[in-house]
N, C-alpha and C. Protein backbone atom coordinates (compact mmCIF):
# COMPACT_ATOMS: atom_id res chain seq x y z
N UNK A 1 7.20 -93.59 48.48
CA UNK A 1 7.28 -93.08 47.13
C UNK A 1 8.51 -92.19 47.02
N UNK A 2 9.32 -92.40 46.02
CA UNK A 2 10.54 -91.65 45.78
C UNK A 2 10.25 -90.54 44.79
N UNK A 3 10.62 -89.28 45.17
CA UNK A 3 10.46 -88.14 44.27
C UNK A 3 11.83 -87.65 43.86
N UNK A 4 11.98 -87.34 42.60
CA UNK A 4 13.24 -86.84 42.08
C UNK A 4 13.01 -85.45 41.51
N UNK A 5 13.82 -84.50 41.97
CA UNK A 5 13.74 -83.13 41.45
C UNK A 5 14.85 -82.93 40.43
N UNK A 6 14.50 -82.29 39.34
CA UNK A 6 15.47 -82.00 38.31
C UNK A 6 15.47 -80.51 38.04
N UNK A 7 16.65 -79.96 37.97
CA UNK A 7 16.79 -78.54 37.67
C UNK A 7 17.61 -78.42 36.41
N UNK A 8 17.10 -77.71 35.43
CA UNK A 8 17.80 -77.53 34.17
C UNK A 8 18.00 -76.04 33.94
N UNK A 9 19.21 -75.67 33.61
CA UNK A 9 19.53 -74.28 33.31
C UNK A 9 19.83 -74.18 31.82
N UNK A 10 19.13 -73.29 31.13
CA UNK A 10 19.32 -73.11 29.70
C UNK A 10 19.74 -71.67 29.45
N UNK A 11 20.85 -71.47 28.78
CA UNK A 11 21.34 -70.14 28.45
C UNK A 11 20.96 -69.85 27.00
N UNK A 12 19.99 -68.98 26.82
CA UNK A 12 19.52 -68.65 25.48
C UNK A 12 20.30 -67.44 24.96
N UNK A 13 20.45 -67.32 23.67
CA UNK A 13 21.15 -66.16 23.12
C UNK A 13 20.44 -64.86 23.50
N UNK A 14 21.23 -63.86 23.82
CA UNK A 14 20.68 -62.56 24.19
C UNK A 14 21.80 -61.60 24.54
N UNK A 15 21.45 -60.32 24.77
CA UNK A 15 22.47 -59.35 25.14
C UNK A 15 23.01 -59.64 26.54
N UNK A 16 24.21 -59.15 26.85
CA UNK A 16 24.77 -59.37 28.19
C UNK A 16 23.86 -58.79 29.28
N UNK A 17 23.77 -59.51 30.40
CA UNK A 17 23.02 -59.05 31.57
C UNK A 17 23.96 -59.06 32.76
N UNK A 18 23.92 -57.98 33.54
CA UNK A 18 24.77 -57.88 34.72
C UNK A 18 24.57 -59.08 35.64
N UNK A 19 25.66 -59.60 36.16
CA UNK A 19 25.59 -60.71 37.09
C UNK A 19 26.28 -60.38 38.41
N UNK A 20 27.49 -59.77 38.36
CA UNK A 20 28.22 -59.50 39.60
C UNK A 20 29.26 -58.40 39.40
N UNK A 21 29.36 -57.50 40.39
CA UNK A 21 30.42 -56.49 40.44
C UNK A 21 31.38 -56.85 41.55
N UNK A 22 32.66 -56.54 41.36
CA UNK A 22 33.64 -56.69 42.43
C UNK A 22 34.54 -55.46 42.44
N UNK A 23 34.46 -54.66 43.50
CA UNK A 23 33.64 -54.81 44.69
C UNK A 23 32.18 -54.46 44.40
N UNK A 24 31.26 -55.01 45.21
CA UNK A 24 29.83 -54.78 44.97
C UNK A 24 29.43 -53.30 44.99
N UNK A 25 30.11 -52.49 45.80
CA UNK A 25 29.78 -51.06 45.88
C UNK A 25 30.22 -50.30 44.64
N UNK A 26 31.12 -50.90 43.86
CA UNK A 26 31.72 -50.28 42.68
C UNK A 26 32.57 -49.06 43.03
N UNK A 27 32.98 -48.95 44.30
CA UNK A 27 33.87 -47.89 44.74
C UNK A 27 35.13 -48.55 45.30
N UNK A 28 36.29 -48.17 44.76
CA UNK A 28 37.57 -48.69 45.23
C UNK A 28 38.32 -47.52 45.87
N UNK A 29 38.68 -47.70 47.14
CA UNK A 29 39.39 -46.65 47.87
C UNK A 29 40.80 -47.13 48.17
N UNK A 30 41.79 -46.37 47.71
CA UNK A 30 43.20 -46.75 47.90
C UNK A 30 44.02 -45.52 48.25
N UNK A 31 45.24 -45.76 48.64
CA UNK A 31 46.23 -44.70 48.82
C UNK A 31 47.13 -44.69 47.59
N UNK A 32 47.84 -43.59 47.39
CA UNK A 32 48.81 -43.52 46.30
C UNK A 32 49.79 -44.68 46.40
N UNK A 33 50.19 -45.22 45.28
CA UNK A 33 51.14 -46.33 45.14
C UNK A 33 50.55 -47.70 45.50
N UNK A 34 49.30 -47.76 45.94
CA UNK A 34 48.63 -49.03 46.20
C UNK A 34 48.16 -49.64 44.88
N UNK A 35 47.95 -50.95 44.85
CA UNK A 35 47.29 -51.56 43.69
C UNK A 35 45.77 -51.40 43.80
N UNK A 36 45.10 -51.49 42.68
CA UNK A 36 43.64 -51.45 42.67
C UNK A 36 43.14 -52.34 41.55
N UNK A 37 41.99 -52.98 41.76
CA UNK A 37 41.36 -53.72 40.67
C UNK A 37 39.87 -53.78 40.89
N UNK A 38 39.15 -53.87 39.81
CA UNK A 38 37.71 -54.04 39.84
C UNK A 38 37.30 -54.87 38.64
N UNK A 39 36.18 -55.58 38.79
CA UNK A 39 35.75 -56.46 37.70
C UNK A 39 34.23 -56.52 37.65
N UNK A 40 33.75 -56.95 36.51
CA UNK A 40 32.32 -57.14 36.30
C UNK A 40 32.12 -58.45 35.54
N UNK A 41 31.08 -59.17 35.91
CA UNK A 41 30.71 -60.40 35.23
C UNK A 41 29.30 -60.25 34.69
N UNK A 42 29.13 -60.60 33.43
CA UNK A 42 27.82 -60.58 32.79
C UNK A 42 27.45 -61.99 32.38
N UNK A 43 26.17 -62.28 32.41
CA UNK A 43 25.64 -63.50 31.83
C UNK A 43 25.40 -63.16 30.37
N UNK A 44 26.06 -63.86 29.47
CA UNK A 44 25.99 -63.49 28.07
C UNK A 44 26.16 -64.71 27.17
N UNK A 45 25.30 -64.81 26.18
CA UNK A 45 25.41 -65.86 25.18
C UNK A 45 25.11 -65.24 23.83
N UNK A 46 26.11 -65.11 22.94
CA UNK A 46 27.50 -65.57 23.09
C UNK A 46 28.27 -64.67 24.06
N UNK A 47 29.53 -65.10 24.34
CA UNK A 47 30.37 -64.30 25.22
C UNK A 47 30.46 -62.87 24.69
N UNK A 48 30.59 -61.90 25.61
CA UNK A 48 30.58 -60.50 25.17
C UNK A 48 31.92 -60.03 24.63
N UNK A 49 31.84 -58.97 23.85
CA UNK A 49 32.99 -58.15 23.52
C UNK A 49 33.07 -57.09 24.61
N UNK A 50 34.25 -56.53 24.83
CA UNK A 50 34.43 -55.60 25.94
C UNK A 50 35.10 -54.31 25.47
N UNK A 51 34.80 -53.24 26.20
CA UNK A 51 35.48 -51.97 26.00
C UNK A 51 35.50 -51.26 27.35
N UNK A 52 36.41 -50.34 27.52
CA UNK A 52 36.44 -49.56 28.75
C UNK A 52 36.93 -48.16 28.44
N UNK A 53 36.55 -47.21 29.32
CA UNK A 53 37.09 -45.87 29.22
C UNK A 53 37.23 -45.26 30.61
N UNK A 54 37.96 -44.17 30.67
CA UNK A 54 38.27 -43.48 31.92
C UNK A 54 37.79 -42.05 31.82
N UNK A 55 37.13 -41.57 32.88
CA UNK A 55 36.72 -40.18 32.98
C UNK A 55 37.41 -39.57 34.18
N UNK A 56 38.21 -38.53 33.94
CA UNK A 56 38.97 -37.88 35.01
C UNK A 56 38.04 -37.04 35.89
N UNK A 57 38.53 -36.59 37.05
CA UNK A 57 37.71 -35.77 37.94
C UNK A 57 37.17 -34.49 37.29
N UNK A 58 37.86 -33.96 36.28
CA UNK A 58 37.34 -32.75 35.61
C UNK A 58 36.38 -33.08 34.48
N UNK A 59 36.04 -34.38 34.31
CA UNK A 59 35.05 -34.78 33.32
C UNK A 59 35.62 -35.15 31.96
N UNK A 60 36.93 -35.14 31.81
CA UNK A 60 37.56 -35.46 30.54
C UNK A 60 37.68 -36.97 30.37
N UNK A 61 37.23 -37.47 29.22
CA UNK A 61 37.44 -38.88 28.88
C UNK A 61 38.82 -38.98 28.26
N UNK A 62 39.65 -39.85 28.81
CA UNK A 62 41.05 -39.87 28.39
C UNK A 62 41.60 -41.29 28.32
N UNK A 63 42.69 -41.44 27.57
CA UNK A 63 43.48 -42.67 27.60
C UNK A 63 44.19 -42.71 28.95
N UNK A 64 44.41 -43.90 29.49
CA UNK A 64 45.03 -43.98 30.80
C UNK A 64 46.16 -45.00 30.77
N UNK A 65 47.38 -44.53 31.03
CA UNK A 65 48.53 -45.42 31.12
C UNK A 65 48.53 -46.11 32.47
N UNK A 66 49.13 -47.29 32.51
CA UNK A 66 49.27 -48.01 33.77
C UNK A 66 48.06 -48.83 34.17
N UNK A 67 47.08 -48.94 33.27
CA UNK A 67 45.88 -49.72 33.55
C UNK A 67 45.89 -50.94 32.64
N UNK A 68 45.75 -52.12 33.24
CA UNK A 68 45.69 -53.35 32.46
C UNK A 68 44.25 -53.83 32.40
N UNK A 69 43.75 -54.02 31.19
CA UNK A 69 42.39 -54.50 30.97
C UNK A 69 42.47 -55.98 30.65
N UNK A 70 41.76 -56.83 31.41
CA UNK A 70 41.85 -58.28 31.25
C UNK A 70 40.46 -58.85 30.99
N UNK A 71 40.09 -59.04 29.71
CA UNK A 71 38.83 -59.72 29.42
C UNK A 71 39.03 -61.23 29.50
N UNK A 72 38.08 -61.92 30.12
CA UNK A 72 38.19 -63.37 30.28
C UNK A 72 36.78 -63.96 30.24
N UNK A 73 36.34 -64.30 29.02
CA UNK A 73 35.00 -64.86 28.87
C UNK A 73 33.94 -63.84 29.25
N UNK A 74 33.10 -64.18 30.23
CA UNK A 74 32.02 -63.31 30.67
C UNK A 74 32.44 -62.33 31.77
N UNK A 75 33.74 -62.29 32.09
CA UNK A 75 34.24 -61.39 33.12
C UNK A 75 35.33 -60.49 32.55
N UNK A 76 35.32 -59.23 32.97
CA UNK A 76 36.38 -58.30 32.58
C UNK A 76 36.91 -57.63 33.85
N UNK A 77 38.23 -57.48 33.91
CA UNK A 77 38.88 -56.90 35.08
C UNK A 77 39.78 -55.76 34.64
N UNK A 78 39.79 -54.68 35.42
CA UNK A 78 40.76 -53.61 35.26
C UNK A 78 41.70 -53.66 36.45
N UNK A 79 43.00 -53.65 36.18
CA UNK A 79 44.01 -53.70 37.25
C UNK A 79 44.97 -52.53 37.10
N UNK A 80 45.27 -51.91 38.22
CA UNK A 80 46.27 -50.84 38.28
C UNK A 80 47.27 -51.27 39.34
N UNK A 81 48.52 -51.53 38.93
CA UNK A 81 49.51 -52.05 39.86
C UNK A 81 50.03 -50.98 40.82
N UNK A 82 50.09 -49.73 40.38
CA UNK A 82 50.69 -48.65 41.16
C UNK A 82 49.86 -47.39 40.96
N UNK A 83 48.83 -47.21 41.78
CA UNK A 83 47.91 -46.09 41.61
C UNK A 83 48.62 -44.75 41.82
N UNK A 84 48.46 -43.87 40.85
CA UNK A 84 48.97 -42.50 40.92
C UNK A 84 47.79 -41.54 40.85
N UNK A 85 48.05 -40.29 41.13
CA UNK A 85 46.98 -39.30 41.20
C UNK A 85 46.14 -39.26 39.92
N UNK A 86 46.77 -39.41 38.76
CA UNK A 86 46.03 -39.34 37.49
C UNK A 86 45.07 -40.52 37.30
N UNK A 87 45.19 -41.57 38.11
CA UNK A 87 44.30 -42.72 37.99
C UNK A 87 42.95 -42.51 38.67
N UNK A 88 42.82 -41.52 39.55
CA UNK A 88 41.57 -41.34 40.27
C UNK A 88 40.49 -40.79 39.35
N UNK A 89 39.31 -41.40 39.40
CA UNK A 89 38.19 -41.00 38.57
C UNK A 89 37.26 -42.18 38.35
N UNK A 90 36.48 -42.12 37.29
CA UNK A 90 35.51 -43.18 36.97
C UNK A 90 36.00 -44.03 35.81
N UNK A 91 35.83 -45.34 35.95
CA UNK A 91 36.15 -46.30 34.91
C UNK A 91 34.85 -46.97 34.48
N UNK A 92 34.59 -46.96 33.19
CA UNK A 92 33.37 -47.56 32.65
C UNK A 92 33.75 -48.78 31.83
N UNK A 93 33.14 -49.91 32.16
CA UNK A 93 33.34 -51.15 31.40
C UNK A 93 32.03 -51.46 30.69
N UNK A 94 32.10 -51.63 29.38
CA UNK A 94 30.91 -51.90 28.58
C UNK A 94 31.05 -53.26 27.90
N UNK A 95 30.00 -54.05 27.97
CA UNK A 95 29.95 -55.35 27.30
C UNK A 95 28.89 -55.30 26.20
N UNK A 96 29.12 -56.04 25.13
CA UNK A 96 28.11 -56.17 24.08
C UNK A 96 28.35 -57.44 23.30
N UNK A 97 27.31 -57.90 22.64
CA UNK A 97 27.44 -59.03 21.72
C UNK A 97 26.50 -58.79 20.54
N UNK A 98 26.33 -59.78 19.69
CA UNK A 98 25.50 -59.62 18.49
C UNK A 98 24.04 -59.31 18.81
N UNK A 99 23.62 -59.57 20.05
CA UNK A 99 22.22 -59.36 20.43
C UNK A 99 21.99 -58.04 21.14
N UNK A 100 23.04 -57.25 21.38
CA UNK A 100 22.85 -55.94 21.98
C UNK A 100 23.83 -55.66 23.12
N UNK A 101 23.49 -54.63 23.89
CA UNK A 101 24.28 -54.21 25.04
C UNK A 101 23.39 -54.18 26.27
N UNK A 102 23.99 -54.22 27.47
CA UNK A 102 23.18 -54.07 28.68
C UNK A 102 22.54 -52.69 28.71
N UNK A 103 21.51 -52.54 29.51
CA UNK A 103 20.85 -51.24 29.61
C UNK A 103 21.76 -50.21 30.25
N UNK A 104 22.74 -50.66 31.02
CA UNK A 104 23.63 -49.75 31.72
C UNK A 104 25.03 -50.36 31.82
N UNK A 105 26.08 -49.60 31.48
CA UNK A 105 27.43 -50.14 31.63
C UNK A 105 27.83 -50.18 33.11
N UNK A 106 28.89 -50.89 33.42
CA UNK A 106 29.42 -50.94 34.78
C UNK A 106 30.35 -49.76 34.98
N UNK A 107 30.06 -48.92 35.96
CA UNK A 107 30.90 -47.76 36.27
C UNK A 107 31.49 -47.95 37.66
N UNK A 108 32.82 -47.86 37.74
CA UNK A 108 33.54 -47.98 39.00
C UNK A 108 34.22 -46.66 39.32
N UNK A 109 34.24 -46.30 40.60
CA UNK A 109 34.92 -45.09 41.03
C UNK A 109 36.18 -45.46 41.81
N UNK A 110 37.30 -44.87 41.41
CA UNK A 110 38.56 -45.05 42.13
C UNK A 110 38.82 -43.75 42.88
N UNK A 111 38.92 -43.84 44.21
CA UNK A 111 39.12 -42.65 45.04
C UNK A 111 40.27 -42.85 46.01
N UNK A 112 40.77 -41.75 46.54
CA UNK A 112 41.91 -41.78 47.44
C UNK A 112 41.43 -41.67 48.88
N UNK A 113 41.87 -42.59 49.72
CA UNK A 113 41.65 -42.53 51.15
C UNK A 113 40.27 -42.14 51.62
N UNK A 114 39.21 -42.56 50.90
CA UNK A 114 37.85 -42.26 51.34
C UNK A 114 37.31 -40.94 50.87
N UNK A 115 38.11 -40.14 50.16
CA UNK A 115 37.64 -38.84 49.66
C UNK A 115 37.32 -38.97 48.19
N UNK A 116 36.12 -38.57 47.82
CA UNK A 116 35.71 -38.58 46.44
C UNK A 116 36.42 -37.44 45.71
N UNK A 117 37.18 -37.74 44.68
CA UNK A 117 37.91 -36.70 43.97
C UNK A 117 37.13 -36.17 42.77
N UNK A 118 35.93 -36.68 42.57
CA UNK A 118 35.12 -36.19 41.46
C UNK A 118 34.28 -35.00 41.91
N UNK A 119 34.02 -34.03 41.02
CA UNK A 119 33.23 -32.87 41.42
C UNK A 119 31.80 -33.25 41.74
């Protein structure tokens, strides 16, 4: 007797759901002048809208020069080609669509040489 298994995947409309962080620890450790990047992928139907912000070590939310934000479908990446001291801190990437937002945004920490520069 021949048995056939069928697997069907259906993506129903809903708010974005976390799928993958890169790096998984959400901590990026670099030296000055090194490149850095981090990304998050959400399962989302429809595709999400994206936003990001930066929080400095003193807790100030600020605009950040030298950071490239690259949204691509269900994945968003932040890239810094030449990390400088002002780049160290937390980066928050938020996804949303017509059905809502995830329960928690993706927060990545950029630190220098293994030392946490946040208070």
